[in-house]
Amino acid sequence: MVTDLIGDLIIRLKNASDAKKPFVEMPYSKFADNVVQTLKKAGYVESVEVDGKLWSRTLRIGLLYFAGSGARIHGVDRISKPSRRVYQKSSEIRTYRSGFGNTVFSTPKGILIDEDARKLKAGGEVLFKIW
């Protein structure tokens, strides 16, 4: 059983991206679905589908690749872990990797990337960084 759902999700995405897989599947949860929908809006994931019945649902995540340069996801870094939660105020949010990467936050206004969190002035838990 996986205790760190977000850590499992981002590592599955990175490993599938490195292996040039067209999609990745993982057990469904509403929180994981919200995170993947945010990654889709940010341009890291191509498609998200929920397969199966109520008790055996899975998330089927289509990965995004560029024609010449390969994978869209090059790396991930889990910041807030189950053993140590990390929070940031909206005034402390900065761009990551000169705008080529994003930081994903869990805020009272939902799961947001750094740009949206700064615009909405919503701080919260720093989930992970992706580039």
N, C-alpha and C. Protein backbone atom coordinates (compact mmCIF):
# COMPACT_ATOMS: atom_id res chain seq x y z
N MET A 1 0.83 -1.18 0.00
CA MET A 1 0.00 0.00 0.00
C MET A 1 0.88 1.24 0.00
N VAL A 2 0.51 2.22 -0.80
CA VAL A 2 1.26 3.45 -0.94
C VAL A 2 0.77 4.46 0.09
N THR A 3 1.70 5.03 0.87
CA THR A 3 1.30 6.03 1.85
C THR A 3 1.47 7.45 1.31
N ASP A 4 2.35 7.66 0.36
CA ASP A 4 2.57 8.97 -0.23
C ASP A 4 2.02 8.99 -1.64
N LEU A 5 0.75 9.36 -1.79
CA LEU A 5 0.05 9.31 -3.07
C LEU A 5 0.69 10.24 -4.10
N ILE A 6 1.03 11.44 -3.70
CA ILE A 6 1.60 12.41 -4.64
C ILE A 6 3.00 12.00 -5.06
N GLY A 7 3.80 11.50 -4.13
CA GLY A 7 5.13 11.01 -4.48
C GLY A 7 5.06 9.87 -5.48
N ASP A 8 4.12 8.96 -5.27
CA ASP A 8 3.91 7.85 -6.20
C ASP A 8 3.48 8.35 -7.57
N LEU A 9 2.57 9.33 -7.60
CA LEU A 9 2.07 9.88 -8.86
C LEU A 9 3.18 10.52 -9.67
N ILE A 10 3.96 11.40 -9.05
CA ILE A 10 4.97 12.13 -9.83
C ILE A 10 6.11 11.22 -10.27
N ILE A 11 6.46 10.22 -9.47
CA ILE A 11 7.51 9.29 -9.89
C ILE A 11 7.02 8.40 -11.04
N ARG A 12 5.75 7.99 -10.98
CA ARG A 12 5.19 7.22 -12.11
C ARG A 12 5.21 8.04 -13.39
N LEU A 13 4.86 9.32 -13.29
CA LEU A 13 4.88 10.18 -14.47
C LEU A 13 6.30 10.35 -15.02
N LYS A 14 7.25 10.58 -14.14
CA LYS A 14 8.64 10.76 -14.59
C LYS A 14 9.21 9.49 -15.20
N ASN A 15 8.99 8.34 -14.55
CA ASN A 15 9.53 7.08 -15.07
C ASN A 15 8.89 6.71 -16.41
N ALA A 16 7.58 6.91 -16.54
CA ALA A 16 6.92 6.61 -17.81
C ALA A 16 7.39 7.56 -18.90
N SER A 17 7.63 8.82 -18.53
CA SER A 17 8.13 9.79 -19.49
C SER A 17 9.55 9.43 -19.95
N ASP A 18 10.39 9.01 -19.00
CA ASP A 18 11.76 8.60 -19.35
C ASP A 18 11.76 7.36 -20.25
N ALA A 19 10.79 6.46 -20.04
CA ALA A 19 10.70 5.24 -20.83
C ALA A 19 9.90 5.45 -22.13
N LYS A 20 9.43 6.69 -22.36
CA LYS A 20 8.67 7.06 -23.55
C LYS A 20 7.39 6.25 -23.71
N LYS A 21 6.72 6.00 -22.59
CA LYS A 21 5.43 5.31 -22.61
C LYS A 21 4.34 6.30 -23.04
N PRO A 22 3.32 5.84 -23.75
CA PRO A 22 2.24 6.76 -24.17
C PRO A 22 1.31 7.16 -23.04
N PHE A 23 1.17 6.31 -22.04
CA PHE A 23 0.29 6.62 -20.93
C PHE A 23 0.77 5.90 -19.68
N VAL A 24 0.22 6.29 -18.53
CA VAL A 24 0.51 5.65 -17.26
C VAL A 24 -0.81 5.48 -16.52
N GLU A 25 -0.96 4.39 -15.79
CA GLU A 25 -2.16 4.13 -15.01
C GLU A 25 -1.81 4.08 -13.53
N MET A 26 -2.74 4.55 -12.72
CA MET A 26 -2.58 4.49 -11.27
C MET A 26 -3.95 4.44 -10.62
N PRO A 27 -4.03 3.98 -9.38
CA PRO A 27 -5.33 3.93 -8.69
C PRO A 27 -5.93 5.33 -8.57
N TYR A 28 -7.25 5.41 -8.71
CA TYR A 28 -7.95 6.68 -8.70
C TYR A 28 -8.10 7.22 -7.28
N SER A 29 -7.93 8.51 -7.15
CA SER A 29 -8.35 9.25 -5.96
C SER A 29 -8.71 10.65 -6.44
N LYS A 30 -9.60 11.30 -5.74
CA LYS A 30 -10.05 12.62 -6.14
C LYS A 30 -8.89 13.63 -6.09
N PHE A 31 -8.03 13.49 -5.08
CA PHE A 31 -6.88 14.39 -4.94
C PHE A 31 -5.90 14.22 -6.11
N ALA A 32 -5.60 12.96 -6.46
CA ALA A 32 -4.70 12.70 -7.59
C ALA A 32 -5.30 13.21 -8.89
N ASP A 33 -6.61 13.06 -9.05
CA ASP A 33 -7.28 13.55 -10.23
C ASP A 33 -7.15 15.07 -10.32
N ASN A 34 -7.31 15.78 -9.21
CA ASN A 34 -7.16 17.24 -9.21
C ASN A 34 -5.74 17.66 -9.55
N VAL A 35 -4.76 16.94 -9.03
CA VAL A 35 -3.35 17.25 -9.33
C VAL A 35 -3.07 17.05 -10.82
N VAL A 36 -3.55 15.95 -11.38
CA VAL A 36 -3.31 15.66 -12.79
C VAL A 36 -4.05 16.66 -13.68
N GLN A 37 -5.24 17.08 -13.29
CA GLN A 37 -5.96 18.11 -14.07
C GLN A 37 -5.17 19.42 -14.07
N THR A 38 -4.54 19.75 -12.96
CA THR A 38 -3.69 20.95 -12.89
C THR A 38 -2.48 20.81 -13.81
N LEU A 39 -1.87 19.62 -13.82
CA LEU A 39 -0.73 19.38 -14.71
C LEU A 39 -1.16 19.43 -16.18
N LYS A 40 -2.38 19.03 -16.45
CA LYS A 40 -2.90 19.11 -17.82
C LYS A 40 -3.04 20.57 -18.24
N LYS A 41 -3.58 21.41 -17.35
CA LYS A 41 -3.72 22.84 -17.65
C LYS A 41 -2.36 23.50 -17.85
N ALA A 42 -1.34 23.02 -17.11
CA ALA A 42 0.00 23.59 -17.20
C ALA A 42 0.77 23.07 -18.41
N GLY A 43 0.26 22.04 -19.09
CA GLY A 43 0.90 21.54 -20.30
C GLY A 43 1.87 20.40 -20.10
N TYR A 44 1.80 19.70 -18.98
CA TYR A 44 2.70 18.57 -18.74
C TYR A 44 2.06 17.24 -19.11
N VAL A 45 0.74 17.18 -19.17
CA VAL A 45 0.00 15.95 -19.43
C VAL A 45 -0.97 16.21 -20.57
N GLU A 46 -1.12 15.24 -21.45
CA GLU A 46 -1.99 15.43 -22.61
C GLU A 46 -3.45 15.13 -22.32
N SER A 47 -3.72 14.01 -21.65
CA SER A 47 -5.11 13.62 -21.40
C SER A 47 -5.23 12.90 -20.07
N VAL A 48 -6.46 12.94 -19.51
CA VAL A 48 -6.75 12.27 -18.25
C VAL A 48 -8.10 11.57 -18.41
N GLU A 49 -8.13 10.28 -18.12
CA GLU A 49 -9.37 9.52 -18.18
C GLU A 49 -9.53 8.71 -16.90
N VAL A 50 -10.79 8.54 -16.50
CA VAL A 50 -11.09 7.69 -15.34
C VAL A 50 -11.73 6.42 -15.89
N ASP A 51 -11.08 5.28 -15.66
CA ASP A 51 -11.57 3.99 -16.15
C ASP A 51 -12.06 3.14 -14.99
N GLY A 52 -12.99 2.24 -15.28
CA GLY A 52 -13.41 1.27 -14.29
C GLY A 52 -14.66 1.67 -13.54
N LYS A 53 -15.07 0.78 -12.66
CA LYS A 53 -16.25 1.00 -11.84
C LYS A 53 -15.87 1.68 -10.53
N LEU A 54 -16.84 1.87 -9.68
CA LEU A 54 -16.65 2.65 -8.46
C LEU A 54 -15.52 2.11 -7.57
N TRP A 55 -15.43 0.81 -7.37
CA TRP A 55 -14.45 0.24 -6.44
C TRP A 55 -13.09 -0.04 -7.07
N SER A 56 -13.05 -0.07 -8.39
CA SER A 56 -11.78 -0.39 -9.04
C SER A 56 -11.42 0.64 -10.10
N ARG A 57 -11.61 1.90 -9.78
CA ARG A 57 -11.30 2.97 -10.73
C ARG A 57 -9.80 3.18 -10.85
N THR A 58 -9.38 3.56 -12.05
CA THR A 58 -7.99 3.91 -12.30
C THR A 58 -7.93 5.22 -13.08
N LEU A 59 -6.87 5.93 -12.89
CA LEU A 59 -6.58 7.12 -13.69
C LEU A 59 -5.68 6.70 -14.82
N ARG A 60 -6.07 7.01 -16.03
CA ARG A 60 -5.24 6.73 -17.20
C ARG A 60 -4.76 8.08 -17.72
N ILE A 61 -3.47 8.32 -17.59
CA ILE A 61 -2.89 9.63 -17.87
C ILE A 61 -2.06 9.53 -19.14
N GLY A 62 -2.45 10.28 -20.16
CA GLY A 62 -1.70 10.34 -21.42
C GLY A 62 -0.58 11.33 -21.31
N LEU A 63 0.63 10.91 -21.61
CA LEU A 63 1.80 11.79 -21.49
C LEU A 63 2.01 12.61 -22.74
N LEU A 64 2.59 13.78 -22.57
CA LEU A 64 2.82 14.72 -23.66
C LEU A 64 4.29 14.67 -24.07
N TYR A 65 4.51 14.59 -25.38
CA TYR A 65 5.87 14.57 -25.94
C TYR A 65 5.97 15.61 -27.03
N PHE A 66 7.17 16.18 -27.19
CA PHE A 66 7.43 17.12 -28.26
C PHE A 66 8.06 16.36 -29.42
N ALA A 67 7.89 16.86 -30.62
CA ALA A 67 8.34 16.16 -31.82
C ALA A 67 9.86 15.95 -31.84
N GLY A 68 10.64 16.99 -31.64
CA GLY A 68 12.07 16.86 -31.76
C GLY A 68 12.81 16.61 -30.45
N SER A 69 12.33 17.23 -29.38
CA SER A 69 13.10 17.20 -28.14
C SER A 69 12.71 16.09 -27.18
N GLY A 70 11.64 15.38 -27.44
CA GLY A 70 11.29 14.26 -26.57
C GLY A 70 10.25 14.61 -25.52
N ALA A 71 10.48 14.16 -24.31
CA ALA A 71 9.49 14.23 -23.24
C ALA A 71 9.30 15.65 -22.72
N ARG A 72 8.09 15.93 -22.26
CA ARG A 72 7.79 17.22 -21.65
C ARG A 72 8.23 17.25 -20.19
N ILE A 73 8.15 16.10 -19.50
CA ILE A 73 8.55 16.01 -18.10
C ILE A 73 10.00 15.52 -18.04
N HIS A 74 10.89 16.38 -17.55
CA HIS A 74 12.30 16.02 -17.44
C HIS A 74 12.69 15.60 -16.03
N GLY A 75 11.99 16.15 -15.05
CA GLY A 75 12.31 15.83 -13.67
C GLY A 75 11.24 16.32 -12.72
N VAL A 76 11.23 15.72 -11.53
CA VAL A 76 10.30 16.10 -10.47
C VAL A 76 11.05 16.11 -9.14
N ASP A 77 10.53 16.90 -8.20
CA ASP A 77 11.15 16.97 -6.88
C ASP A 77 10.04 17.14 -5.86
N ARG A 78 9.87 16.15 -5.00
CA ARG A 78 8.83 16.19 -3.96
C ARG A 78 9.32 17.09 -2.84
N ILE A 79 8.56 18.11 -2.49
CA ILE A 79 8.97 19.06 -1.47
C ILE A 79 8.33 18.72 -0.12
N SER A 80 7.01 18.78 -0.06
CA SER A 80 6.29 18.50 1.18
C SER A 80 6.03 17.01 1.26
N LYS A 81 6.53 16.38 2.31
CA LYS A 81 6.42 14.93 2.46
C LYS A 81 5.52 14.61 3.65
N PRO A 82 5.07 13.37 3.78
CA PRO A 82 4.24 13.03 4.95
C PRO A 82 4.95 13.27 6.28
N SER A 83 6.27 13.15 6.29
CA SER A 83 7.02 13.35 7.54
C SER A 83 7.32 14.82 7.82
N ARG A 84 7.28 15.66 6.78
CA ARG A 84 7.59 17.08 6.96
C ARG A 84 6.82 17.91 5.95
N ARG A 85 5.83 18.62 6.41
CA ARG A 85 5.01 19.47 5.55
C ARG A 85 5.68 20.83 5.39
N VAL A 86 5.65 21.37 4.17
CA VAL A 86 6.26 22.66 3.87
C VAL A 86 5.18 23.58 3.33
N TYR A 87 5.08 24.78 3.90
CA TYR A 87 4.09 25.76 3.47
C TYR A 87 4.78 27.03 3.02
N GLN A 88 4.10 27.77 2.13
CA GLN A 88 4.63 29.04 1.64
C GLN A 88 3.51 30.06 1.55
N LYS A 89 3.83 31.29 1.92
CA LYS A 89 2.89 32.39 1.75
C LYS A 89 2.87 32.80 0.28
N SER A 90 1.80 33.45 -0.13
CA SER A 90 1.69 33.87 -1.53
C SER A 90 2.76 34.90 -1.88
N SER A 91 3.19 35.70 -0.91
CA SER A 91 4.23 36.70 -1.18
C SER A 91 5.61 36.08 -1.34
N GLU A 92 5.79 34.84 -0.91
CA GLU A 92 7.09 34.16 -1.00
C GLU A 92 7.23 33.29 -2.25
N ILE A 93 6.19 33.18 -3.07
CA ILE A 93 6.22 32.30 -4.25
C ILE A 93 7.06 32.95 -5.34
N ARG A 94 8.03 32.21 -5.83
CA ARG A 94 8.93 32.68 -6.90
C ARG A 94 8.84 31.73 -8.10
N THR A 95 9.31 32.20 -9.25
CA THR A 95 9.34 31.34 -10.43
C THR A 95 10.40 30.27 -10.23
N TYR A 96 10.21 29.16 -10.90
CA TYR A 96 11.13 28.03 -10.77
C TYR A 96 11.80 27.78 -12.10
N ARG A 97 13.11 27.64 -12.07
CA ARG A 97 13.93 27.39 -13.25
C ARG A 97 13.67 28.43 -14.35
N SER A 98 13.65 29.68 -13.96
CA SER A 98 13.44 30.81 -14.86
C SER A 98 12.17 30.67 -15.70
N GLY A 99 11.15 30.06 -15.14
CA GLY A 99 9.88 29.91 -15.83
C GLY A 99 9.75 28.63 -16.63
N PHE A 100 10.80 27.83 -16.71
CA PHE A 100 10.73 26.57 -17.45
C PHE A 100 10.20 25.42 -16.60
N GLY A 101 10.05 25.64 -15.32
CA GLY A 101 9.49 24.65 -14.41
C GLY A 101 8.35 25.28 -13.62
N ASN A 102 7.63 24.44 -12.91
CA ASN A 102 6.51 24.93 -12.10
C ASN A 102 6.54 24.28 -10.73
N THR A 103 6.00 25.01 -9.77
CA THR A 103 5.79 24.49 -8.43
C THR A 103 4.29 24.30 -8.26
N VAL A 104 3.89 23.15 -7.72
CA VAL A 104 2.47 22.85 -7.54
C VAL A 104 2.13 23.01 -6.06
N PHE A 105 1.06 23.76 -5.79
CA PHE A 105 0.62 24.08 -4.44
C PHE A 105 -0.76 23.51 -4.18
N SER A 106 -1.01 23.14 -2.93
CA SER A 106 -2.35 22.81 -2.47
C SER A 106 -2.81 24.00 -1.63
N THR A 107 -3.77 24.75 -2.15
CA THR A 107 -4.22 25.98 -1.51
C THR A 107 -5.70 25.86 -1.15
N PRO A 108 -6.22 26.80 -0.39
CA PRO A 108 -7.67 26.80 -0.11
C PRO A 108 -8.50 27.00 -1.38
N LYS A 109 -7.89 27.50 -2.45
CA LYS A 109 -8.60 27.71 -3.72
C LYS A 109 -8.39 26.55 -4.68
N GLY A 110 -7.82 25.45 -4.20
CA GLY A 110 -7.61 24.27 -5.03
C GLY A 110 -6.13 24.00 -5.28
N ILE A 111 -5.87 23.03 -6.14
CA ILE A 111 -4.50 22.69 -6.53
C ILE A 111 -4.10 23.67 -7.63
N LEU A 112 -3.02 24.42 -7.40
CA LEU A 112 -2.60 25.47 -8.34
C LEU A 112 -1.11 25.39 -8.62
N ILE A 113 -0.71 25.85 -9.81
CA ILE A 113 0.71 26.02 -10.09
C ILE A 113 1.13 27.39 -9.58
N ASP A 114 2.42 27.65 -9.54
CA ASP A 114 2.94 28.86 -8.93
C ASP A 114 2.38 30.15 -9.54
N GLU A 115 2.22 30.21 -10.85
CA GLU A 115 1.73 31.42 -11.51
C GLU A 115 0.30 31.74 -11.06
N ASP A 116 -0.55 30.72 -11.05
CA ASP A 116 -1.95 30.93 -10.66
C ASP A 116 -2.07 31.27 -9.18
N ALA A 117 -1.26 30.63 -8.35
CA ALA A 117 -1.29 30.92 -6.91
C ALA A 117 -0.86 32.35 -6.64
N ARG A 118 0.12 32.84 -7.38
CA ARG A 118 0.57 34.22 -7.21
C ARG A 118 -0.51 35.20 -7.66
N LYS A 119 -1.20 34.89 -8.78
CA LYS A 119 -2.26 35.77 -9.27
C LYS A 119 -3.44 35.82 -8.30
N LEU A 120 -3.80 34.66 -7.73
CA LEU A 120 -4.93 34.60 -6.81
C LEU A 120 -4.56 34.96 -5.37
N LYS A 121 -3.26 35.22 -5.14
CA LYS A 121 -2.74 35.54 -3.81
C LYS A 121 -3.14 34.47 -2.80
N ALA A 122 -2.86 33.21 -3.19
CA ALA A 122 -3.19 32.07 -2.34
C ALA A 122 -1.93 31.28 -2.05
N GLY A 123 -1.54 31.24 -0.81
CA GLY A 123 -0.41 30.41 -0.39
C GLY A 123 -0.94 29.06 0.07
N GLY A 124 -0.04 28.16 0.40
CA GLY A 124 -0.47 26.86 0.87
C GLY A 124 0.68 25.88 0.93
N GLU A 125 0.35 24.60 0.92
CA GLU A 125 1.35 23.55 1.00
C GLU A 125 2.04 23.37 -0.34
N VAL A 126 3.37 23.33 -0.33
CA VAL A 126 4.17 23.12 -1.53
C VAL A 126 4.21 21.61 -1.77
N LEU A 127 3.54 21.12 -2.80
CA LEU A 127 3.50 19.68 -3.05
C LEU A 127 4.77 19.19 -3.73
N PHE A 128 5.07 19.74 -4.93
CA PHE A 128 6.26 19.29 -5.66
C PHE A 128 6.62 20.31 -6.73
N LYS A 129 7.82 20.14 -7.27
CA LYS A 129 8.30 20.95 -8.38
C LYS A 129 8.46 20.04 -9.58
N ILE A 130 8.13 20.54 -10.76
CA ILE A 130 8.21 19.74 -11.98
C ILE A 130 8.84 20.60 -13.07
N TRP A 131 9.67 19.99 -13.89
CA TRP A 131 10.30 20.68 -15.01
C TRP A 131 10.47 19.75 -16.17
